[in-house]
PDB file of all heavy atoms in Angstrom:
ATOM      1  N   ILE A   1      73.527 -54.246 203.754  1.00  0.00           N
ATOM      2  CA  ILE A   1      73.924 -55.438 203.014  1.00  0.00           C
ATOM      3  C   ILE A   1      75.367 -55.793 203.376  1.00  0.00           C
ATOM      4  O   ILE A   1      76.291 -54.998 203.178  1.00  0.00           O
ATOM      5  CB  ILE A   1      73.772 -55.206 201.504  1.00  0.00           C
ATOM      6  CG1 ILE A   1      72.295 -54.933 201.188  1.00  0.00           C
ATOM      7  CG2 ILE A   1      74.286 -56.405 200.712  1.00  0.00           C
ATOM      8  CD1 ILE A   1      72.024 -54.594 199.743  1.00  0.00           C
ATOM      9  N   THR A   2      75.543 -56.973 203.937  1.00  0.00           N
ATOM     10  CA  THR A   2      76.847 -57.416 204.433  1.00  0.00           C
ATOM     11  C   THR A   2      77.589 -58.190 203.341  1.00  0.00           C
ATOM     12  O   THR A   2      77.027 -59.092 202.718  1.00  0.00           O
ATOM     13  CB  THR A   2      76.676 -58.303 205.678  1.00  0.00           C
ATOM     14  OG1 THR A   2      75.934 -57.576 206.665  1.00  0.00           O
ATOM     15  CG2 THR A   2      78.007 -58.711 206.259  1.00  0.00           C
ATOM     16  N   PHE A   3      78.865 -57.831 203.136  1.00  0.00           N
ATOM     17  CA  PHE A   3      79.627 -58.488 202.065  1.00  0.00           C
ATOM     18  C   PHE A   3      81.111 -58.582 202.412  1.00  0.00           C
ATOM     19  O   PHE A   3      81.595 -57.946 203.345  1.00  0.00           O
ATOM     20  CB  PHE A   3      79.447 -57.729 200.746  1.00  0.00           C
ATOM     21  CG  PHE A   3      80.126 -56.382 200.699  1.00  0.00           C
ATOM     22  CD1 PHE A   3      81.362 -56.221 200.084  1.00  0.00           C
ATOM     23  CD2 PHE A   3      79.529 -55.260 201.263  1.00  0.00           C
ATOM     24  CE1 PHE A   3      81.997 -54.987 200.041  1.00  0.00           C
ATOM     25  CE2 PHE A   3      80.153 -54.015 201.221  1.00  0.00           C
ATOM     26  CZ  PHE A   3      81.384 -53.879 200.603  1.00  0.00           C
ATOM     27  N   THR A   4      81.801 -59.402 201.647  1.00  0.00           N
ATOM     28  CA  THR A   4      83.252 -59.512 201.732  1.00  0.00           C
ATOM     29  C   THR A   4      83.831 -59.194 200.353  1.00  0.00           C
ATOM     30  O   THR A   4      83.129 -59.257 199.341  1.00  0.00           O
ATOM     31  CB  THR A   4      83.699 -60.915 202.152  1.00  0.00           C
ATOM     32  OG1 THR A   4      83.172 -61.874 201.202  1.00  0.00           O
ATOM     33  CG2 THR A   4      83.185 -61.272 203.544  1.00  0.00           C
ATOM     34  N   ALA A   5      85.120 -58.846 200.331  1.00  0.00           N
ATOM     35  CA  ALA A   5      85.762 -58.525 199.059  1.00  0.00           C
ATOM     36  C   ALA A   5      87.167 -59.106 199.023  1.00  0.00           C
ATOM     37  O   ALA A   5      87.810 -59.280 200.061  1.00  0.00           O
ATOM     38  CB  ALA A   5      85.815 -57.011 198.856  1.00  0.00           C
ATOM     39  N   HIS A   6      87.625 -59.408 197.819  1.00  0.00           N
ATOM     40  CA  HIS A   6      88.987 -59.935 197.641  1.00  0.00           C
ATOM     41  C   HIS A   6      89.704 -59.107 196.583  1.00  0.00           C
ATOM     42  O   HIS A   6      89.187 -58.906 195.474  1.00  0.00           O
ATOM     43  CB  HIS A   6      88.963 -61.388 197.202  1.00  0.00           C
ATOM     44  CG  HIS A   6      90.327 -61.915 196.849  1.00  0.00           C
ATOM     45  ND1 HIS A   6      91.324 -62.124 197.784  1.00  0.00           N
ATOM     46  CD2 HIS A   6      90.873 -62.256 195.644  1.00  0.00           C
ATOM     47  CE1 HIS A   6      92.412 -62.568 197.191  1.00  0.00           C
ATOM     48  NE2 HIS A   6      92.159 -62.654 195.891  1.00  0.00           N
ATOM     49  N   SER A   7      90.898 -58.600 196.934  1.00  0.00           N
ATOM     50  CA  SER A   7      91.703 -57.820 195.998  1.00  0.00           C
ATOM     51  C   SER A   7      93.074 -58.467 195.818  1.00  0.00           C
ATOM     52  O   SER A   7      93.831 -58.592 196.778  1.00  0.00           O
ATOM     53  CB  SER A   7      91.891 -56.388 196.497  1.00  0.00           C
ATOM     54  OG  SER A   7      92.807 -55.688 195.667  1.00  0.00           O
ATOM     55  N   PRO A   8      93.433 -58.860 194.593  1.00  0.00           N
ATOM     56  CA  PRO A   8      94.755 -59.437 194.333  1.00  0.00           C
ATOM     57  C   PRO A   8      95.808 -58.385 194.011  1.00  0.00           C
ATOM     58  O   PRO A   8      96.950 -58.727 193.699  1.00  0.00           O
ATOM     59  CB  PRO A   8      94.492 -60.332 193.120  1.00  0.00           C
ATOM     60  CG  PRO A   8      93.419 -59.614 192.375  1.00  0.00           C
ATOM     61  CD  PRO A   8      92.558 -58.940 193.423  1.00  0.00           C
ATOM     62  N   ASN A   9      95.447 -57.091 194.077  1.00  0.00           N
ATOM     63  CA  ASN A   9      96.389 -56.034 193.715  1.00  0.00           C
ATOM     64  C   ASN A   9      97.518 -55.917 194.738  1.00  0.00           C
ATOM     65  O   ASN A   9      97.344 -56.203 195.917  1.00  0.00           O
ATOM     66  CB  ASN A   9      95.651 -54.703 193.564  1.00  0.00           C
ATOM     67  CG  ASN A   9      94.761 -54.686 192.334  1.00  0.00           C
ATOM     68  OD1 ASN A   9      95.239 -54.681 191.205  1.00  0.00           O
ATOM     69  ND2 ASN A   9      93.451 -54.717 192.548  1.00  0.00           N
ATOM     70  N   CYS A  10      98.679 -55.431 194.268  1.00  0.00           N
ATOM     71  CA  CYS A  10      99.873 -55.412 195.105  1.00  0.00           C
ATOM     72  C   CYS A  10      99.884 -54.264 196.111  1.00  0.00           C
ATOM     73  O   CYS A  10     100.721 -54.228 197.006  1.00  0.00           O
ATOM     74  CB  CYS A  10     101.118 -55.333 194.226  1.00  0.00           C
ATOM     75  SG  CYS A  10     101.201 -53.818 193.216  1.00  0.00           S
ATOM     76  N   THR A  11      98.979 -53.318 195.963  1.00  0.00           N
ATOM     77  CA  THR A  11      98.896 -52.213 196.904  1.00  0.00           C
ATOM     78  C   THR A  11      97.444 -51.790 197.054  1.00  0.00           C
ATOM     79  O   THR A  11      96.585 -52.193 196.261  1.00  0.00           O
ATOM     80  CB  THR A  11      99.753 -51.018 196.430  1.00  0.00           C
ATOM     81  OG1 THR A  11      99.812 -50.025 197.467  1.00  0.00           O
ATOM     82  CG2 THR A  11      99.174 -50.384 195.175  1.00  0.00           C
ATOM     83  N   ASP A  12      97.153 -50.991 198.083  1.00  0.00           N
ATOM     84  CA  ASP A  12      95.787 -50.543 198.320  1.00  0.00           C
ATOM     85  C   ASP A  12      95.335 -49.591 197.206  1.00  0.00           C
ATOM     86  O   ASP A  12      96.107 -48.747 196.743  1.00  0.00           O
ATOM     87  CB  ASP A  12      95.677 -49.811 199.653  1.00  0.00           C
ATOM     88  CG  ASP A  12      95.986 -50.697 200.842  1.00  0.00           C
ATOM     89  OD1 ASP A  12      96.028 -51.940 200.659  1.00  0.00           O
ATOM     90  OD2 ASP A  12      96.183 -50.167 201.949  1.00  0.00           O
ATOM     91  N   LEU A  13      94.067 -49.712 196.831  1.00  0.00           N
ATOM     92  CA  LEU A  13      93.451 -48.749 195.929  1.00  0.00           C
ATOM     93  C   LEU A  13      92.545 -47.833 196.754  1.00  0.00           C
ATOM     94  O   LEU A  13      92.408 -48.000 197.966  1.00  0.00           O
ATOM     95  CB  LEU A  13      92.665 -49.467 194.829  1.00  0.00           C
ATOM     96  CG  LEU A  13      93.457 -50.459 193.966  1.00  0.00           C
ATOM     97  CD1 LEU A  13      92.591 -50.954 192.810  1.00  0.00           C
ATOM     98  CD2 LEU A  13      94.738 -49.843 193.435  1.00  0.00           C
ATOM     99  N   LEU A  14      91.907 -46.882 196.099  1.00  0.00           N
ATOM    100  CA  LEU A  14      91.044 -45.915 196.790  1.00  0.00           C
ATOM    101  C   LEU A  14      89.588 -46.286 196.588  1.00  0.00           C
ATOM    102  O   LEU A  14      89.130 -46.482 195.453  1.00  0.00           O
ATOM    103  CB  LEU A  14      91.313 -44.508 196.252  1.00  0.00           C
ATOM    104  CG  LEU A  14      92.740 -43.983 196.462  1.00  0.00           C
ATOM    105  CD1 LEU A  14      92.920 -42.662 195.729  1.00  0.00           C
ATOM    106  CD2 LEU A  14      93.026 -43.819 197.940  1.00  0.00           C
ATOM    107  N   SER A  15      88.834 -46.363 197.672  1.00  0.00           N
ATOM    108  CA  SER A  15      87.429 -46.748 197.592  1.00  0.00           C
ATOM    109  C   SER A  15      86.587 -45.610 197.028  1.00  0.00           C
ATOM    110  O   SER A  15      86.746 -44.448 197.402  1.00  0.00           O
ATOM    111  CB  SER A  15      86.895 -47.134 198.976  1.00  0.00           C
ATOM    112  OG  SER A  15      85.502 -47.368 198.927  1.00  0.00           O
ATOM    113  N   ARG A  16      85.647 -45.992 196.133  1.00  0.00           N
ATOM    114  CA  ARG A  16      84.684 -45.048 195.576  1.00  0.00           C
ATOM    115  C   ARG A  16      83.257 -45.481 195.890  1.00  0.00           C
ATOM    116  O   ARG A  16      82.314 -45.076 195.214  1.00  0.00           O
ATOM    117  CB  ARG A  16      84.876 -44.958 194.058  1.00  0.00           C
ATOM    118  CG  ARG A  16      86.228 -44.447 193.571  1.00  0.00           C
ATOM    119  CD  ARG A  16      86.314 -42.938 193.571  1.00  0.00           C
ATOM    120  NE  ARG A  16      85.239 -42.331 192.809  1.00  0.00           N
ATOM    121  CZ  ARG A  16      85.229 -42.184 191.470  1.00  0.00           C
ATOM    122  NH1 ARG A  16      86.273 -42.613 190.759  1.00  0.00           N
ATOM    123  NH2 ARG A  16      84.231 -41.608 190.860  1.00  0.00           N
ATOM    124  N   GLY A  17      83.099 -46.311 196.936  1.00  0.00           N
ATOM    125  CA  GLY A  17      81.768 -46.747 197.328  1.00  0.00           C
ATOM    126  C   GLY A  17      81.429 -48.146 196.843  1.00  0.00           C
ATOM    127  O   GLY A  17      82.305 -48.905 196.403  1.00  0.00           O
ATOM    128  N   THR A  18      80.143 -48.464 196.902  1.00  0.00           N
ATOM    129  CA  THR A  18      79.664 -49.822 196.600  1.00  0.00           C
ATOM    130  C   THR A  18      78.329 -49.748 195.867  1.00  0.00           C
ATOM    131  O   THR A  18      77.478 -48.928 196.209  1.00  0.00           O
ATOM    132  CB  THR A  18      79.450 -50.619 197.898  1.00  0.00           C
ATOM    133  OG1 THR A  18      80.577 -50.449 198.754  1.00  0.00           O
ATOM    134  CG2 THR A  18      79.253 -52.094 197.609  1.00  0.00           C
ATOM    135  N   ALA A  19      78.156 -50.596 194.872  1.00  0.00           N
ATOM    136  CA  ALA A  19      76.870 -50.680 194.170  1.00  0.00           C
ATOM    137  C   ALA A  19      76.343 -52.098 194.262  1.00  0.00           C
ATOM    138  O   ALA A  19      77.112 -53.047 194.400  1.00  0.00           O
ATOM    139  CB  ALA A  19      77.013 -50.266 192.709  1.00  0.00           C
ATOM    140  N   PHE A  20      75.020 -52.230 194.211  1.00  0.00           N
ATOM    141  CA  PHE A  20      74.457 -53.572 194.257  1.00  0.00           C
ATOM    142  C   PHE A  20      73.217 -53.684 193.391  1.00  0.00           C
ATOM    143  O   PHE A  20      72.475 -52.724 193.176  1.00  0.00           O
ATOM    144  CB  PHE A  20      74.157 -54.002 195.691  1.00  0.00           C
ATOM    145  CG  PHE A  20      73.751 -52.893 196.613  1.00  0.00           C
ATOM    146  CD1 PHE A  20      72.443 -52.469 196.715  1.00  0.00           C
ATOM    147  CD2 PHE A  20      74.706 -52.258 197.398  1.00  0.00           C
ATOM    148  CE1 PHE A  20      72.082 -51.454 197.573  1.00  0.00           C
ATOM    149  CE2 PHE A  20      74.364 -51.234 198.261  1.00  0.00           C
ATOM    150  CZ  PHE A  20      73.040 -50.819 198.348  1.00  0.00           C
ATOM    151  N   VAL A  21      73.061 -54.880 192.854  1.00  0.00           N
ATOM    152  CA  VAL A  21      71.892 -55.248 192.058  1.00  0.00           C
ATOM    153  C   VAL A  21      71.048 -56.190 192.896  1.00  0.00           C
ATOM    154  O   VAL A  21      71.550 -57.170 193.447  1.00  0.00           O
ATOM    155  CB  VAL A  21      72.319 -55.923 190.738  1.00  0.00           C
ATOM    156  CG1 VAL A  21      71.146 -56.654 190.094  1.00  0.00           C
ATOM    157  CG2 VAL A  21      72.885 -54.887 189.774  1.00  0.00           C
ATOM    158  N   LEU A  22      69.764 -55.889 193.016  1.00  0.00           N
ATOM    159  CA  LEU A  22      68.836 -56.677 193.827  1.00  0.00           C
ATOM    160  C   LEU A  22      68.042 -57.623 192.927  1.00  0.00           C
ATOM    161  O   LEU A  22      67.551 -57.212 191.871  1.00  0.00           O
ATOM    162  CB  LEU A  22      67.887 -55.742 194.585  1.00  0.00           C
ATOM    163  CG  LEU A  22      68.580 -54.705 195.484  1.00  0.00           C
ATOM    164  CD1 LEU A  22      67.583 -53.670 195.976  1.00  0.00           C
ATOM    165  CD2 LEU A  22      69.278 -55.377 196.649  1.00  0.00           C
ATOM    166  N   ARG A  23      67.933 -58.870 193.346  1.00  0.00           N
ATOM    167  CA  ARG A  23      67.210 -59.888 192.581  1.00  0.00           C
ATOM    168  C   ARG A  23      66.127 -60.526 193.439  1.00  0.00           C
ATOM    169  O   ARG A  23      66.252 -60.581 194.672  1.00  0.00           O
ATOM    170  CB  ARG A  23      68.181 -60.963 192.071  1.00  0.00           C
ATOM    171  CG  ARG A  23      69.275 -60.435 191.138  1.00  0.00           C
ATOM    172  CD  ARG A  23      70.231 -61.548 190.713  1.00  0.00           C
ATOM    173  NE  ARG A  23      71.318 -61.073 189.879  1.00  0.00           N
ATOM    174  CZ  ARG A  23      71.285 -60.993 188.553  1.00  0.00           C
ATOM    175  NH1 ARG A  23      70.179 -61.384 187.904  1.00  0.00           N
ATOM    176  NH2 ARG A  23      72.319 -60.547 187.868  1.00  0.00           N
ATOM    177  N   ASP A  24      65.095 -61.057 192.792  1.00  0.00           N
ATOM    178  CA  ASP A  24      64.069 -61.792 193.535  1.00  0.00           C
ATOM    179  C   ASP A  24      64.490 -63.251 193.665  1.00  0.00           C
ATOM    180  O   ASP A  24      65.594 -63.636 193.260  1.00  0.00           O
ATOM    181  CB  ASP A  24      62.691 -61.637 192.882  1.00  0.00           C
ATOM    182  CG  ASP A  24      62.619 -62.206 191.466  1.00  0.00           C
ATOM    183  OD1 ASP A  24      63.522 -62.984 191.079  1.00  0.00           O
ATOM    184  OD2 ASP A  24      61.652 -61.887 190.749  1.00  0.00           O
ATOM    185  N   THR A  25      63.629 -64.076 194.215  1.00  0.00           N
ATOM    186  CA  THR A  25      63.998 -65.476 194.462  1.00  0.00           C
ATOM    187  C   THR A  25      64.293 -66.249 193.177  1.00  0.00           C
ATOM    188  O   THR A  25      65.048 -67.221 193.190  1.00  0.00           O
ATOM    189  CB  THR A  25      62.880 -66.198 195.226  1.00  0.00           C
ATOM    190  OG1 THR A  25      61.638 -66.032 194.514  1.00  0.00           O
ATOM    191  CG2 THR A  25      62.726 -65.624 196.627  1.00  0.00           C
ATOM    192  N   SER A  26      63.733 -65.784 192.046  1.00  0.00           N
ATOM    193  CA  SER A  26      63.983 -66.462 190.767  1.00  0.00           C
ATOM    194  C   SER A  26      65.272 -65.989 190.105  1.00  0.00           C
ATOM    195  O   SER A  26      65.710 -66.561 189.102  1.00  0.00           O
ATOM    196  CB  SER A  26      62.811 -66.218 189.816  1.00  0.00           C
ATOM    197  OG  SER A  26      62.781 -64.863 189.387  1.00  0.00           O
ATOM    198  N   GLY A  27      65.880 -64.934 190.660  1.00  0.00           N
ATOM    199  CA  GLY A  27      67.101 -64.391 190.078  1.00  0.00           C
ATOM    200  C   GLY A  27      66.877 -63.197 189.178  1.00  0.00           C
ATOM    201  O   GLY A  27      67.841 -62.596 188.683  1.00  0.00           O
ATOM    202  N   LYS A  28      65.625 -62.792 188.987  1.00  0.00           N
ATOM    203  CA  LYS A  28      65.321 -61.637 188.137  1.00  0.00           C
ATOM    204  C   LYS A  28      65.711 -60.342 188.845  1.00  0.00           C
ATOM    205  O   LYS A  28      65.478 -60.176 190.038  1.00  0.00           O
ATOM    206  CB  LYS A  28      63.829 -61.616 187.819  1.00  0.00           C
ATOM    207  CG  LYS A  28      63.383 -60.406 187.018  1.00  0.00           C
ATOM    208  CD  LYS A  28      61.874 -60.399 186.841  1.00  0.00           C
ATOM    209  CE  LYS A  28      61.412 -59.130 186.140  1.00  0.00           C
ATOM    210  NZ  LYS A  28      59.922 -59.094 186.009  1.00  0.00           N
ATOM    211  N   ILE A  29      66.321 -59.408 188.103  1.00  0.00           N
ATOM    212  CA  ILE A  29      66.677 -58.117 188.680  1.00  0.00           C
ATOM    213  C   ILE A  29      65.416 -57.304 188.961  1.00  0.00           C
ATOM    214  O   ILE A  29      64.582 -57.103 188.073  1.00  0.00           O
ATOM    215  CB  ILE A  29      67.610 -57.324 187.741  1.00  0.00           C
ATOM    216  CG1 ILE A  29      68.958 -58.036 187.600  1.00  0.00           C
ATOM    217  CG2 ILE A  29      67.826 -55.901 188.270  1.00  0.00           C
ATOM    218  CD1 ILE A  29      69.918 -57.352 186.637  1.00  0.00           C
ATOM    219  N   VAL A  30      65.300 -56.842 190.208  1.00  0.00           N
ATOM    220  CA  VAL A  30      64.132 -56.041 190.590  1.00  0.00           C
ATOM    221  C   VAL A  30      64.531 -54.633 191.047  1.00  0.00           C
ATOM    222  O   VAL A  30      63.669 -53.820 191.379  1.00  0.00           O
ATOM    223  CB  VAL A  30      63.317 -56.734 191.709  1.00  0.00           C
ATOM    224  CG1 VAL A  30      62.685 -58.018 191.189  1.00  0.00           C
ATOM    225  CG2 VAL A  30      64.187 -57.012 192.941  1.00  0.00           C
ATOM    226  N   GLY A  31      65.811 -54.329 191.068  1.00  0.00           N
ATOM    227  CA  GLY A  31      66.234 -52.993 191.476  1.00  0.00           C
ATOM    228  C   GLY A  31      67.713 -52.949 191.803  1.00  0.00           C
ATOM    229  O   GLY A  31      68.468 -53.885 191.529  1.00  0.00           O
ATOM    230  N   GLY A  32      68.110 -51.846 192.417  1.00  0.00           N
ATOM    231  CA  GLY A  32      69.506 -51.678 192.797  1.00  0.00           C
ATOM    232  C   GLY A  32      69.732 -50.333 193.446  1.00  0.00           C
ATOM    233  O   GLY A  32      68.842 -49.489 193.498  1.00  0.00           O
ATOM    234  N   ASN A  33      70.925 -50.129 193.932  1.00  0.00           N
ATOM    235  CA  ASN A  33      71.269 -48.855 194.559  1.00  0.00           C
ATOM    236  C   ASN A  33      72.778 -48.732 194.669  1.00  0.00           C
ATOM    237  O   ASN A  33      73.520 -49.670 194.344  1.00  0.00           O
ATOM    238  CB  ASN A  33      70.620 -48.729 195.933  1.00  0.00           C
ATOM    239  CG  ASN A  33      70.481 -47.285 196.383  1.00  0.00           C
ATOM    240  OD1 ASN A  33      70.682 -46.354 195.601  1.00  0.00           O
ATOM    241  ND2 ASN A  33      70.129 -47.084 197.635  1.00  0.00           N
ATOM    242  N   VAL A  34      73.236 -47.577 195.139  1.00  0.00           N
ATOM    243  CA  VAL A  34      74.661 -47.332 195.342  1.00  0.00           C
ATOM    244  C   VAL A  34      74.854 -46.689 196.709  1.00  0.00           C
ATOM    245  O   VAL A  34      74.065 -45.846 197.124  1.00  0.00           O
ATOM    246  CB  VAL A  34      75.243 -46.423 194.223  1.00  0.00           C
ATOM    247  CG1 VAL A  34      74.528 -45.080 194.181  1.00  0.00           C
ATOM    248  CG2 VAL A  34      76.737 -46.242 194.396  1.00  0.00           C
ATOM    249  N   ASP A  35      75.879 -47.136 197.422  1.00  0.00           N
ATOM    250  CA  ASP A  35      76.300 -46.516 198.664  1.00  0.00           C
ATOM    251  C   ASP A  35      77.594 -45.773 198.339  1.00  0.00           C
ATOM    252  O   ASP A  35      78.631 -46.383 198.121  1.00  0.00           O
ATOM    253  CB  ASP A  35      76.532 -47.576 199.748  1.00  0.00           C
ATOM    254  CG  ASP A  35      76.946 -46.978 201.088  1.00  0.00           C
ATOM    255  OD1 ASP A  35      77.257 -45.770 201.130  1.00  0.00           O
ATOM    256  OD2 ASP A  35      76.958 -47.707 202.094  1.00  0.00           O
ATOM    257  N   GLY A  36      77.511 -44.448 198.284  1.00  0.00           N
ATOM    258  CA  GLY A  36      78.653 -43.654 197.882  1.00  0.00           C
ATOM    259  C   GLY A  36      79.721 -43.493 198.952  1.00  0.00           C
ATOM    260  O   GLY A  36      80.808 -42.982 198.667  1.00  0.00           O
ATOM    261  N   LEU A  37      79.441 -43.944 200.181  1.00  0.00           N
ATOM    262  CA  LEU A  37      80.435 -43.830 201.243  1.00  0.00           C
ATOM    263  C   LEU A  37      81.580 -44.803 200.989  1.00  0.00           C
ATOM    264  O   LEU A  37      81.364 -45.935 200.534  1.00  0.00           O
ATOM    265  CB  LEU A  37      79.799 -44.115 202.606  1.00  0.00           C
ATOM    266  CG  LEU A  37      78.702 -43.137 203.044  1.00  0.00           C
ATOM    267  CD1 LEU A  37      78.119 -43.578 204.387  1.00  0.00           C
ATOM    268  CD2 LEU A  37      79.243 -41.715 203.142  1.00  0.00           C
ATOM    269  N   THR A  38      82.792 -44.375 201.292  1.00  0.00           N
ATOM    270  CA  THR A  38      83.953 -45.217 201.025  1.00  0.00           C
ATOM    271  C   THR A  38      83.964 -46.461 201.916  1.00  0.00           C
ATOM    272  O   THR A  38      83.554 -46.413 203.069  1.00  0.00           O
ATOM    273  CB  THR A  38      85.258 -44.438 201.237  1.00  0.00           C
ATOM    274  OG1 THR A  38      85.284 -43.942 202.577  1.00  0.00           O
ATOM    275  CG2 THR A  38      85.361 -43.275 200.274  1.00  0.00           C
ATOM    276  N   LYS A  39      84.407 -47.550 201.343  1.00  0.00           N
ATOM    277  CA  LYS A  39      84.596 -48.826 202.047  1.00  0.00           C
ATOM    278  C   LYS A  39      86.041 -49.250 201.807  1.00  0.00           C
ATOM    279  O   LYS A  39      86.328 -50.163 201.038  1.00  0.00           O
ATOM    280  CB  LYS A  39      83.623 -49.894 201.518  1.00  0.00           C
ATOM    281  CG  LYS A  39      82.178 -49.440 201.414  1.00  0.00           C
ATOM    282  CD  LYS A  39      81.542 -49.192 202.759  1.00  0.00           C
ATOM    283  CE  LYS A  39      80.108 -48.701 202.594  1.00  0.00           C
ATOM    284  NZ  LYS A  39      79.491 -48.325 203.882  1.00  0.00           N
ATOM    285  N   GLN A  40      86.973 -48.558 202.466  1.00  0.00           N
ATOM    286  CA  GLN A  40      88.386 -48.734 202.171  1.00  0.00           C
ATOM    287  C   GLN A  40      88.869 -50.157 202.397  1.00  0.00           C
ATOM    288  O   GLN A  40      89.786 -50.638 201.729  1.00  0.00           O
ATOM    289  CB  GLN A  40      89.224 -47.758 203.002  1.00  0.00           C
ATOM    290  CG  GLN A  40      90.669 -47.641 202.552  1.00  0.00           C
ATOM    291  CD  GLN A  40      90.800 -47.255 201.076  1.00  0.00           C
ATOM    292  OE1 GLN A  40      90.106 -46.374 200.581  1.00  0.00           O
ATOM    293  NE2 GLN A  40      91.684 -47.947 200.373  1.00  0.00           N
ATOM    294  N   GLU A  41      88.213 -50.865 203.334  1.00  0.00           N
ATOM    295  CA  GLU A  41      88.612 -52.259 203.592  1.00  0.00           C
ATOM    296  C   GLU A  41      88.498 -53.114 202.332  1.00  0.00           C
ATOM    297  O   GLU A  41      89.278 -54.041 202.130  1.00  0.00           O
ATOM    298  CB  GLU A  41      87.744 -52.869 204.690  1.00  0.00           C
ATOM    299  CG  GLU A  41      87.699 -52.079 205.994  1.00  0.00           C
ATOM    300  CD  GLU A  41      86.480 -51.193 206.086  1.00  0.00           C
ATOM    301  OE1 GLU A  41      86.151 -50.530 205.075  1.00  0.00           O
ATOM    302  OE2 GLU A  41      85.857 -51.133 207.153  1.00  0.00           O
ATOM    303  N   ALA A  42      87.507 -52.813 201.510  1.00  0.00           N
ATOM    304  CA  ALA A  42      87.277 -53.617 200.313  1.00  0.00           C
ATOM    305  C   ALA A  42      88.352 -53.406 199.254  1.00  0.00           C
ATOM    306  O   ALA A  42      88.497 -54.222 198.345  1.00  0.00           O
ATOM    307  CB  ALA A  42      85.904 -53.302 199.733  1.00  0.00           C
TER     308      ALA A  42
END
């Protein structure tokens, strides 16, 4: 899952991974997952 992130903080924070909620075409939540690998860029 490809994404971008925006941080207004004055210094870098530490990445703890990424979580996502999956929706169907109507917008209903149908699942989700977490990627525990760090994404320091975000």
